[in-house]
Amino acid sequence: MSIFAKKLDTTPGSTDNLGFPPSTASSGKYGITEAIQLMRTLPVEQNAELVVRVVRATLASLDVHLPVIIEDALRRQKAIQDRIAAIHGQIAELEKQLDVHRKEIGALEADLKETSSVKERLQMAEKGAGGSSRQSGRTDTTSGGGAFSAPGPISKPPFPRDDHGTGVT
């Protein structure tokens, strides 16, 4: 019968395996946490009805009242449900943040794609300008030679070039 009298650590700040404080049973001796521990040690699957009758009789003989444990269980259920709801709220907030970051990444990827495309076209125009049009001092405007062809002589690129021709210094 010592299992019924066994008390959990109830020092201030102690918690059970779910992070909840020890039982809040009004008798202060036995609550739902202790009942859970007890039921874990008993062979409830073998003959649940017999086990429940023995537990009820034993607890009654120790002046432990089932309604007190049931009230404690209701408080614990409420606390667990509140904690679940709070965690679901945190998850929802994190999902919103993830969505914002995913949209930002999408916009950045689109910007990168556009930047890369324009840079490649500029590089193609630069290579095309390095051929015959530089020698003659003008660009080819009659052949429709490129999206960036312009009449008149080419003096120099509008921005400084590095050694790799990327236009980044």
N, C-alpha and C. Protein backbone atom coordinates (compact mmCIF):
# COMPACT_ATOMS: atom_id res chain seq x y z
N MET A 1 0.81 -1.20 0.00
CA MET A 1 0.00 0.00 0.00
C MET A 1 0.85 1.26 0.00
N SER A 2 2.15 1.13 0.06
CA SER A 2 2.99 2.33 0.07
C SER A 2 2.88 3.11 -1.23
N ILE A 3 2.48 2.49 -2.31
CA ILE A 3 2.35 3.21 -3.58
C ILE A 3 1.27 4.28 -3.50
N PHE A 4 0.25 4.06 -2.68
CA PHE A 4 -0.82 5.04 -2.54
C PHE A 4 -0.38 6.23 -1.71
N ALA A 5 0.53 6.01 -0.80
CA ALA A 5 0.99 7.08 0.07
C ALA A 5 2.18 7.83 -0.51
N LYS A 6 2.76 7.29 -1.57
CA LYS A 6 3.94 7.92 -2.16
C LYS A 6 3.58 9.28 -2.72
N LYS A 7 4.35 10.28 -2.38
CA LYS A 7 4.08 11.66 -2.78
C LYS A 7 5.15 12.10 -3.76
N LEU A 8 4.74 12.83 -4.78
CA LEU A 8 5.68 13.41 -5.72
C LEU A 8 6.43 14.56 -5.07
N ASP A 9 7.51 14.95 -5.70
CA ASP A 9 8.26 16.10 -5.24
C ASP A 9 7.39 17.34 -5.40
N THR A 10 7.05 17.99 -4.31
CA THR A 10 6.19 19.17 -4.36
C THR A 10 6.93 20.42 -3.93
N THR A 11 8.25 20.39 -4.06
CA THR A 11 9.01 21.59 -3.71
C THR A 11 8.64 22.69 -4.69
N PRO A 12 8.73 23.94 -4.25
CA PRO A 12 8.37 25.04 -5.17
C PRO A 12 9.19 24.97 -6.45
N GLY A 13 8.49 25.12 -7.56
CA GLY A 13 9.16 25.10 -8.86
C GLY A 13 9.22 23.73 -9.48
N SER A 14 8.84 22.67 -8.76
CA SER A 14 8.90 21.34 -9.34
C SER A 14 7.71 21.14 -10.28
N THR A 15 7.90 20.27 -11.28
CA THR A 15 6.85 20.01 -12.26
C THR A 15 6.78 18.52 -12.54
N ASP A 16 5.67 18.09 -13.15
CA ASP A 16 5.56 16.70 -13.56
C ASP A 16 6.19 16.53 -14.93
N ASN A 17 6.02 15.35 -15.54
CA ASN A 17 6.68 15.09 -16.81
C ASN A 17 6.11 15.88 -17.99
N LEU A 18 4.99 16.57 -17.82
CA LEU A 18 4.43 17.43 -18.87
C LEU A 18 4.73 18.90 -18.62
N GLY A 19 5.43 19.20 -17.52
CA GLY A 19 5.75 20.58 -17.22
C GLY A 19 4.72 21.27 -16.36
N PHE A 20 3.76 20.52 -15.82
CA PHE A 20 2.74 21.11 -14.96
C PHE A 20 3.13 20.93 -13.51
N PRO A 21 2.68 21.84 -12.63
CA PRO A 21 2.98 21.68 -11.22
C PRO A 21 2.32 20.42 -10.68
N PRO A 22 2.81 19.91 -9.55
CA PRO A 22 2.19 18.73 -8.95
C PRO A 22 0.71 18.97 -8.68
N SER A 23 0.01 17.92 -8.32
CA SER A 23 -1.43 17.98 -8.11
C SER A 23 -1.85 19.17 -7.28
N THR A 24 -3.02 19.67 -7.65
CA THR A 24 -3.58 20.79 -6.91
C THR A 24 -4.81 20.34 -6.14
N ALA A 25 -4.86 19.06 -5.82
CA ALA A 25 -6.00 18.52 -5.08
C ALA A 25 -6.14 19.26 -3.77
N SER A 26 -7.39 19.55 -3.41
CA SER A 26 -7.63 20.36 -2.21
C SER A 26 -7.17 19.65 -0.95
N SER A 27 -7.17 18.31 -0.93
CA SER A 27 -6.69 17.61 0.26
C SER A 27 -5.19 17.74 0.39
N GLY A 28 -4.50 18.06 -0.73
CA GLY A 28 -3.06 18.24 -0.69
C GLY A 28 -2.31 16.93 -0.61
N LYS A 29 -3.03 15.80 -0.58
CA LYS A 29 -2.35 14.52 -0.43
C LYS A 29 -2.37 13.68 -1.70
N TYR A 30 -3.44 13.77 -2.45
CA TYR A 30 -3.56 12.88 -3.59
C TYR A 30 -4.38 13.55 -4.68
N GLY A 31 -3.81 13.63 -5.88
CA GLY A 31 -4.49 14.27 -6.99
C GLY A 31 -4.35 13.45 -8.25
N ILE A 32 -4.66 14.06 -9.35
CA ILE A 32 -4.66 13.36 -10.63
C ILE A 32 -3.25 12.91 -11.03
N THR A 33 -2.24 13.68 -10.70
CA THR A 33 -0.87 13.29 -11.06
C THR A 33 -0.51 11.97 -10.39
N GLU A 34 -0.86 11.85 -9.13
CA GLU A 34 -0.57 10.60 -8.41
C GLU A 34 -1.43 9.46 -8.95
N ALA A 35 -2.68 9.75 -9.29
CA ALA A 35 -3.56 8.72 -9.85
C ALA A 35 -3.02 8.23 -11.19
N ILE A 36 -2.49 9.13 -11.98
CA ILE A 36 -1.89 8.74 -13.26
C ILE A 36 -0.70 7.83 -13.02
N GLN A 37 0.15 8.22 -12.08
CA GLN A 37 1.32 7.39 -11.77
C GLN A 37 0.88 6.01 -11.32
N LEU A 38 -0.14 5.95 -10.48
CA LEU A 38 -0.63 4.67 -9.99
C LEU A 38 -1.16 3.82 -11.14
N MET A 39 -1.99 4.39 -11.98
CA MET A 39 -2.58 3.63 -13.08
C MET A 39 -1.53 3.11 -14.06
N ARG A 40 -0.43 3.83 -14.18
CA ARG A 40 0.65 3.36 -15.06
C ARG A 40 1.28 2.08 -14.55
N THR A 41 1.24 1.87 -13.25
CA THR A 41 1.89 0.69 -12.66
C THR A 41 0.96 -0.51 -12.58
N LEU A 42 -0.32 -0.34 -12.82
CA LEU A 42 -1.28 -1.42 -12.67
C LEU A 42 -1.63 -2.05 -14.03
N PRO A 43 -1.96 -3.33 -14.01
CA PRO A 43 -2.32 -4.03 -15.25
C PRO A 43 -3.77 -3.75 -15.67
N VAL A 44 -4.06 -2.53 -16.04
CA VAL A 44 -5.42 -2.11 -16.37
C VAL A 44 -5.93 -2.87 -17.60
N GLU A 45 -5.06 -3.22 -18.54
CA GLU A 45 -5.48 -3.90 -19.76
C GLU A 45 -6.01 -5.30 -19.49
N GLN A 46 -5.54 -5.93 -18.43
CA GLN A 46 -5.93 -7.32 -18.16
C GLN A 46 -7.37 -7.41 -17.65
N ASN A 47 -7.70 -6.63 -16.65
CA ASN A 47 -9.05 -6.65 -16.09
C ASN A 47 -9.34 -5.26 -15.54
N ALA A 48 -9.71 -4.35 -16.42
CA ALA A 48 -9.87 -2.94 -16.06
C ALA A 48 -10.91 -2.75 -14.96
N GLU A 49 -12.03 -3.47 -15.04
CA GLU A 49 -13.09 -3.30 -14.04
C GLU A 49 -12.61 -3.68 -12.64
N LEU A 50 -11.90 -4.79 -12.53
CA LEU A 50 -11.39 -5.23 -11.23
C LEU A 50 -10.37 -4.24 -10.69
N VAL A 51 -9.46 -3.79 -11.56
CA VAL A 51 -8.43 -2.85 -11.12
C VAL A 51 -9.08 -1.56 -10.61
N VAL A 52 -10.07 -1.03 -11.33
CA VAL A 52 -10.74 0.20 -10.92
C VAL A 52 -11.43 0.01 -9.57
N ARG A 53 -12.09 -1.14 -9.37
CA ARG A 53 -12.77 -1.38 -8.07
C ARG A 53 -11.76 -1.43 -6.94
N VAL A 54 -10.64 -2.10 -7.17
CA VAL A 54 -9.61 -2.21 -6.11
C VAL A 54 -9.03 -0.84 -5.81
N VAL A 55 -8.74 -0.06 -6.85
CA VAL A 55 -8.18 1.29 -6.64
C VAL A 55 -9.18 2.15 -5.89
N ARG A 56 -10.44 2.13 -6.29
CA ARG A 56 -11.46 2.93 -5.63
C ARG A 56 -11.58 2.55 -4.15
N ALA A 57 -11.62 1.26 -3.84
CA ALA A 57 -11.74 0.81 -2.45
C ALA A 57 -10.50 1.18 -1.65
N THR A 58 -9.34 1.02 -2.25
CA THR A 58 -8.09 1.34 -1.54
C THR A 58 -8.00 2.84 -1.26
N LEU A 59 -8.32 3.65 -2.26
CA LEU A 59 -8.27 5.10 -2.05
C LEU A 59 -9.29 5.53 -1.00
N ALA A 60 -10.46 4.94 -1.02
CA ALA A 60 -11.48 5.28 -0.01
C ALA A 60 -10.99 4.92 1.38
N SER A 61 -10.29 3.81 1.51
CA SER A 61 -9.79 3.42 2.83
C SER A 61 -8.70 4.37 3.32
N LEU A 62 -8.07 5.09 2.41
CA LEU A 62 -7.05 6.06 2.78
C LEU A 62 -7.63 7.47 2.89
N ASP A 63 -8.94 7.55 2.85
CA ASP A 63 -9.67 8.82 2.93
C ASP A 63 -9.34 9.74 1.76
N VAL A 64 -9.14 9.12 0.58
CA VAL A 64 -8.94 9.87 -0.66
C VAL A 64 -10.25 9.77 -1.43
N HIS A 65 -10.82 10.90 -1.74
CA HIS A 65 -12.13 10.93 -2.38
C HIS A 65 -11.98 11.12 -3.89
N LEU A 66 -12.66 10.27 -4.65
CA LEU A 66 -12.58 10.34 -6.11
C LEU A 66 -13.05 11.67 -6.68
N PRO A 67 -14.10 12.30 -6.15
CA PRO A 67 -14.49 13.61 -6.70
C PRO A 67 -13.38 14.65 -6.62
N VAL A 68 -12.56 14.58 -5.58
CA VAL A 68 -11.43 15.52 -5.46
C VAL A 68 -10.42 15.27 -6.58
N ILE A 69 -10.15 14.01 -6.85
CA ILE A 69 -9.21 13.66 -7.93
C ILE A 69 -9.81 14.05 -9.28
N ILE A 70 -11.10 13.84 -9.44
CA ILE A 70 -11.76 14.18 -10.70
C ILE A 70 -11.73 15.70 -10.92
N GLU A 71 -11.95 16.49 -9.87
CA GLU A 71 -11.85 17.95 -9.99
C GLU A 71 -10.44 18.36 -10.37
N ASP A 72 -9.48 17.69 -9.76
CA ASP A 72 -8.08 17.98 -10.08
C ASP A 72 -7.80 17.61 -11.55
N ALA A 73 -8.39 16.51 -12.02
CA ALA A 73 -8.24 16.10 -13.41
C ALA A 73 -8.84 17.14 -14.35
N LEU A 74 -9.99 17.70 -13.98
CA LEU A 74 -10.61 18.74 -14.80
C LEU A 74 -9.73 19.98 -14.89
N ARG A 75 -9.13 20.37 -13.76
CA ARG A 75 -8.21 21.52 -13.77
C ARG A 75 -6.99 21.22 -14.66
N ARG A 76 -6.48 20.00 -14.54
CA ARG A 76 -5.31 19.62 -15.34
C ARG A 76 -5.68 19.60 -16.83
N GLN A 77 -6.84 19.04 -17.17
CA GLN A 77 -7.29 19.03 -18.56
C GLN A 77 -7.37 20.44 -19.12
N LYS A 78 -7.93 21.34 -18.36
CA LYS A 78 -8.06 22.74 -18.78
C LYS A 78 -6.69 23.36 -19.00
N ALA A 79 -5.77 23.10 -18.07
CA ALA A 79 -4.41 23.65 -18.20
C ALA A 79 -3.72 23.09 -19.45
N ILE A 80 -3.90 21.80 -19.70
CA ILE A 80 -3.29 21.18 -20.88
C ILE A 80 -3.90 21.75 -22.15
N GLN A 81 -5.24 21.88 -22.18
CA GLN A 81 -5.91 22.43 -23.36
C GLN A 81 -5.47 23.87 -23.61
N ASP A 82 -5.33 24.65 -22.54
CA ASP A 82 -4.86 26.03 -22.69
C ASP A 82 -3.44 26.08 -23.25
N ARG A 83 -2.59 25.17 -22.78
CA ARG A 83 -1.20 25.12 -23.26
C ARG A 83 -1.16 24.71 -24.73
N ILE A 84 -2.00 23.74 -25.11
CA ILE A 84 -2.07 23.31 -26.51
C ILE A 84 -2.51 24.47 -27.38
N ALA A 85 -3.53 25.20 -26.94
CA ALA A 85 -4.01 26.35 -27.71
C ALA A 85 -2.92 27.41 -27.84
N ALA A 86 -2.17 27.64 -26.76
CA ALA A 86 -1.09 28.63 -26.81
C ALA A 86 -0.01 28.21 -27.81
N ILE A 87 0.32 26.93 -27.81
CA ILE A 87 1.35 26.44 -28.73
C ILE A 87 0.85 26.52 -30.17
N HIS A 88 -0.44 26.19 -30.39
CA HIS A 88 -1.01 26.33 -31.73
C HIS A 88 -0.95 27.79 -32.18
N GLY A 89 -1.19 28.72 -31.27
CA GLY A 89 -1.09 30.14 -31.59
C GLY A 89 0.33 30.52 -31.97
N GLN A 90 1.31 30.00 -31.23
CA GLN A 90 2.71 30.28 -31.55
C GLN A 90 3.06 29.71 -32.92
N ILE A 91 2.58 28.52 -33.21
CA ILE A 91 2.85 27.90 -34.51
C ILE A 91 2.23 28.73 -35.62
N ALA A 92 1.01 29.20 -35.42
CA ALA A 92 0.35 30.03 -36.44
C ALA A 92 1.15 31.30 -36.70
N GLU A 93 1.66 31.92 -35.65
CA GLU A 93 2.46 33.13 -35.80
C GLU A 93 3.76 32.82 -36.55
N LEU A 94 4.39 31.70 -36.22
CA LEU A 94 5.62 31.31 -36.92
C LEU A 94 5.33 31.01 -38.39
N GLU A 95 4.18 30.39 -38.67
CA GLU A 95 3.82 30.12 -40.06
C GLU A 95 3.60 31.42 -40.84
N LYS A 96 3.03 32.43 -40.19
CA LYS A 96 2.87 33.74 -40.84
C LYS A 96 4.24 34.34 -41.15
N GLN A 97 5.15 34.23 -40.19
CA GLN A 97 6.50 34.75 -40.42
C GLN A 97 7.18 34.00 -41.56
N LEU A 98 7.01 32.68 -41.60
CA LEU A 98 7.58 31.89 -42.69
C LEU A 98 7.01 32.33 -44.03
N ASP A 99 5.70 32.57 -44.08
CA ASP A 99 5.06 33.01 -45.31
C ASP A 99 5.63 34.34 -45.78
N VAL A 100 5.82 35.27 -44.85
CA VAL A 100 6.40 36.57 -45.19
C VAL A 100 7.81 36.37 -45.75
N HIS A 101 8.60 35.52 -45.10
CA HIS A 101 9.96 35.28 -45.56
C HIS A 101 9.98 34.57 -46.92
N ARG A 102 9.06 33.64 -47.13
CA ARG A 102 8.98 32.96 -48.43
C ARG A 102 8.64 33.95 -49.54
N LYS A 103 7.71 34.87 -49.26
CA LYS A 103 7.36 35.89 -50.25
C LYS A 103 8.55 36.79 -50.53
N GLU A 104 9.28 37.14 -49.49
CA GLU A 104 10.46 37.99 -49.67
C GLU A 104 11.50 37.26 -50.53
N ILE A 105 11.70 35.98 -50.26
CA ILE A 105 12.64 35.19 -51.06
C ILE A 105 12.17 35.15 -52.51
N GLY A 106 10.88 34.94 -52.73
CA GLY A 106 10.35 34.92 -54.09
C GLY A 106 10.61 36.22 -54.82
N ALA A 107 10.38 37.34 -54.14
CA ALA A 107 10.62 38.64 -54.76
C ALA A 107 12.12 38.84 -55.05
N LEU A 108 12.96 38.41 -54.11
CA LEU A 108 14.41 38.54 -54.32
C LEU A 108 14.88 37.65 -55.47
N GLU A 109 14.32 36.43 -55.55
CA GLU A 109 14.70 35.54 -56.65
C GLU A 109 14.27 36.11 -57.99
N ALA A 110 13.07 36.72 -58.05
CA ALA A 110 12.61 37.35 -59.29
C ALA A 110 13.52 38.51 -59.65
N ASP A 111 13.92 39.31 -58.67
CA ASP A 111 14.83 40.43 -58.90
C ASP A 111 16.19 39.93 -59.39
N LEU A 112 16.67 38.85 -58.77
CA LEU A 112 17.95 38.27 -59.19
C LEU A 112 17.87 37.78 -60.63
N LYS A 113 16.78 37.11 -60.98
CA LYS A 113 16.60 36.60 -62.34
C LYS A 113 16.59 37.75 -63.34
N GLU A 114 15.83 38.80 -63.02
CA GLU A 114 15.75 39.94 -63.93
C GLU A 114 17.11 40.64 -64.05
N THR A 115 17.78 40.81 -62.93
CA THR A 115 19.10 41.45 -62.93
C THR A 115 20.08 40.64 -63.76
N SER A 116 20.07 39.33 -63.58
CA SER A 116 20.98 38.46 -64.34
C SER A 116 20.66 38.53 -65.83
N SER A 117 19.39 38.53 -66.19
CA SER A 117 18.99 38.59 -67.59
C SER A 117 19.45 39.90 -68.24
N VAL A 118 19.21 41.00 -67.56
CA VAL A 118 19.62 42.31 -68.12
C VAL A 118 21.14 42.38 -68.21
N LYS A 119 21.84 41.88 -67.22
CA LYS A 119 23.30 41.89 -67.26
C LYS A 119 23.80 41.08 -68.45
N GLU A 120 23.21 39.91 -68.69
CA GLU A 120 23.63 39.07 -69.82
C GLU A 120 23.36 39.79 -71.14
N ARG A 121 22.23 40.45 -71.26
CA ARG A 121 21.92 41.20 -72.48
C ARG A 121 22.91 42.35 -72.68
N LEU A 122 23.24 43.02 -71.60
CA LEU A 122 24.23 44.11 -71.69
C LEU A 122 25.59 43.56 -72.11
N GLN A 123 25.95 42.39 -71.58
CA GLN A 123 27.22 41.79 -71.95
C GLN A 123 27.21 41.40 -73.43
N MET A 124 26.06 40.87 -73.91
CA MET A 124 25.95 40.53 -75.33
C MET A 124 26.06 41.80 -76.18
N ALA A 125 25.44 42.87 -75.75
CA ALA A 125 25.51 44.13 -76.48
C ALA A 125 26.94 44.66 -76.47
N GLU A 126 27.62 44.50 -75.37
CA GLU A 126 29.00 44.95 -75.25
C GLU A 126 29.90 44.16 -76.19
N LYS A 127 29.69 42.84 -76.28
CA LYS A 127 30.49 42.02 -77.18
C LYS A 127 30.20 42.38 -78.63
N GLY A 128 28.92 42.61 -78.94
CA GLY A 128 28.53 43.00 -80.29
C GLY A 128 29.11 44.36 -80.65
N ALA A 129 29.23 45.25 -79.73
CA ALA A 129 29.77 46.59 -79.98
C ALA A 129 31.27 46.53 -80.15
N GLY A 130 31.89 45.50 -79.69
CA GLY A 130 33.34 45.38 -79.80
C GLY A 130 33.78 44.94 -81.18
N GLY A 131 32.86 44.54 -82.05
CA GLY A 131 33.20 44.06 -83.39
C GLY A 131 33.34 45.19 -84.38
N SER A 132 32.68 45.09 -85.52
CA SER A 132 32.82 46.02 -86.64
C SER A 132 32.33 47.42 -86.32
N SER A 133 31.37 47.57 -85.48
CA SER A 133 30.84 48.90 -85.23
C SER A 133 31.86 49.77 -84.51
N ARG A 134 32.70 49.23 -83.72
CA ARG A 134 33.73 50.05 -83.07
C ARG A 134 34.77 50.49 -84.08
N GLN A 135 35.05 49.61 -85.01
CA GLN A 135 36.06 49.97 -86.00
C GLN A 135 35.56 51.11 -86.88
N SER A 136 34.27 51.06 -87.21
CA SER A 136 33.76 52.12 -88.07
C SER A 136 33.35 53.34 -87.27
N GLY A 137 33.31 53.20 -85.95
CA GLY A 137 32.96 54.34 -85.11
C GLY A 137 31.48 54.52 -84.91
N ARG A 138 30.67 53.57 -85.37
CA ARG A 138 29.23 53.68 -85.17
C ARG A 138 28.62 52.29 -85.02
N THR A 139 27.41 52.27 -84.51
CA THR A 139 26.72 51.00 -84.31
C THR A 139 25.88 50.69 -85.53
N ASP A 140 25.52 49.45 -85.67
CA ASP A 140 24.68 49.01 -86.79
C ASP A 140 23.23 49.25 -86.42
N THR A 141 22.62 50.23 -87.05
CA THR A 141 21.22 50.55 -86.74
C THR A 141 20.29 50.03 -87.82
N THR A 142 20.82 49.58 -88.93
CA THR A 142 19.96 49.14 -90.02
C THR A 142 19.61 47.67 -89.93
N SER A 143 20.46 46.89 -89.34
CA SER A 143 20.20 45.46 -89.31
C SER A 143 19.33 45.07 -88.13
N GLY A 144 18.96 46.01 -87.29
CA GLY A 144 18.18 45.67 -86.10
C GLY A 144 19.04 44.89 -85.13
N GLY A 145 20.33 45.15 -85.18
CA GLY A 145 21.34 44.39 -84.46
C GLY A 145 21.13 44.24 -83.00
N GLY A 146 20.37 44.57 -82.26
CA GLY A 146 20.27 44.24 -80.85
C GLY A 146 19.39 45.22 -80.17
N ALA A 147 18.94 44.85 -79.06
CA ALA A 147 17.99 45.68 -78.32
C ALA A 147 18.64 46.97 -77.84
N PHE A 148 19.98 46.98 -77.78
CA PHE A 148 20.63 48.15 -77.21
C PHE A 148 21.44 48.91 -78.25
N SER A 149 21.20 48.68 -79.53
CA SER A 149 21.91 49.41 -80.58
C SER A 149 21.42 50.85 -80.59
N ALA A 150 22.35 51.75 -80.79
CA ALA A 150 21.98 53.17 -80.82
C ALA A 150 22.82 53.84 -81.89
N PRO A 151 22.25 54.81 -82.58
CA PRO A 151 23.05 55.51 -83.61
C PRO A 151 24.15 56.32 -82.98
N GLY A 152 25.17 56.56 -83.75
CA GLY A 152 26.26 57.40 -83.28
C GLY A 152 27.43 56.59 -82.78
N PRO A 153 28.54 57.27 -82.56
CA PRO A 153 29.75 56.57 -82.13
C PRO A 153 29.63 56.10 -80.68
N ILE A 154 30.33 55.03 -80.39
CA ILE A 154 30.39 54.52 -79.02
C ILE A 154 31.66 55.03 -78.41
N SER A 155 31.54 55.77 -77.37
CA SER A 155 32.73 56.30 -76.75
C SER A 155 33.25 55.36 -75.67
N LYS A 156 32.44 55.05 -74.69
CA LYS A 156 32.85 54.12 -73.63
C LYS A 156 31.58 53.66 -72.91
N PRO A 157 31.67 52.57 -72.18
CA PRO A 157 30.49 52.10 -71.44
C PRO A 157 30.05 53.14 -70.42
N PRO A 158 28.76 53.15 -70.09
CA PRO A 158 28.26 54.15 -69.15
C PRO A 158 28.70 53.92 -67.72
N PHE A 159 29.38 52.81 -67.45
CA PHE A 159 29.83 52.53 -66.09
C PHE A 159 31.20 51.87 -66.18
N PRO A 160 32.00 51.99 -65.14
CA PRO A 160 33.34 51.38 -65.18
C PRO A 160 33.23 49.85 -65.24
N ARG A 161 34.16 49.24 -65.93
CA ARG A 161 34.18 47.79 -66.04
C ARG A 161 35.31 47.23 -65.20
N ASP A 162 35.10 46.04 -64.68
CA ASP A 162 36.19 45.37 -63.99
C ASP A 162 36.93 44.51 -65.02
N ASP A 163 37.86 43.70 -64.61
CA ASP A 163 38.65 42.88 -65.51
C ASP A 163 37.85 41.76 -66.16
N HIS A 164 36.68 41.45 -65.62
CA HIS A 164 35.87 40.34 -66.13
C HIS A 164 34.74 40.81 -67.02
N GLY A 165 34.62 42.09 -67.24
CA GLY A 165 33.60 42.62 -68.13
C GLY A 165 32.20 42.64 -67.53
N THR A 166 32.09 42.54 -66.20
CA THR A 166 30.77 42.51 -65.59
C THR A 166 30.24 43.87 -65.26
N GLY A 167 31.05 44.87 -65.32
CA GLY A 167 30.59 46.21 -65.00
C GLY A 167 30.61 46.51 -63.53
N VAL A 168 31.11 45.60 -62.73
CA VAL A 168 31.18 45.80 -61.28
C VAL A 168 32.61 46.11 -60.92
N THR A 169 32.81 47.17 -60.18
CA THR A 169 34.18 47.53 -59.80
C THR A 169 34.49 47.06 -58.42
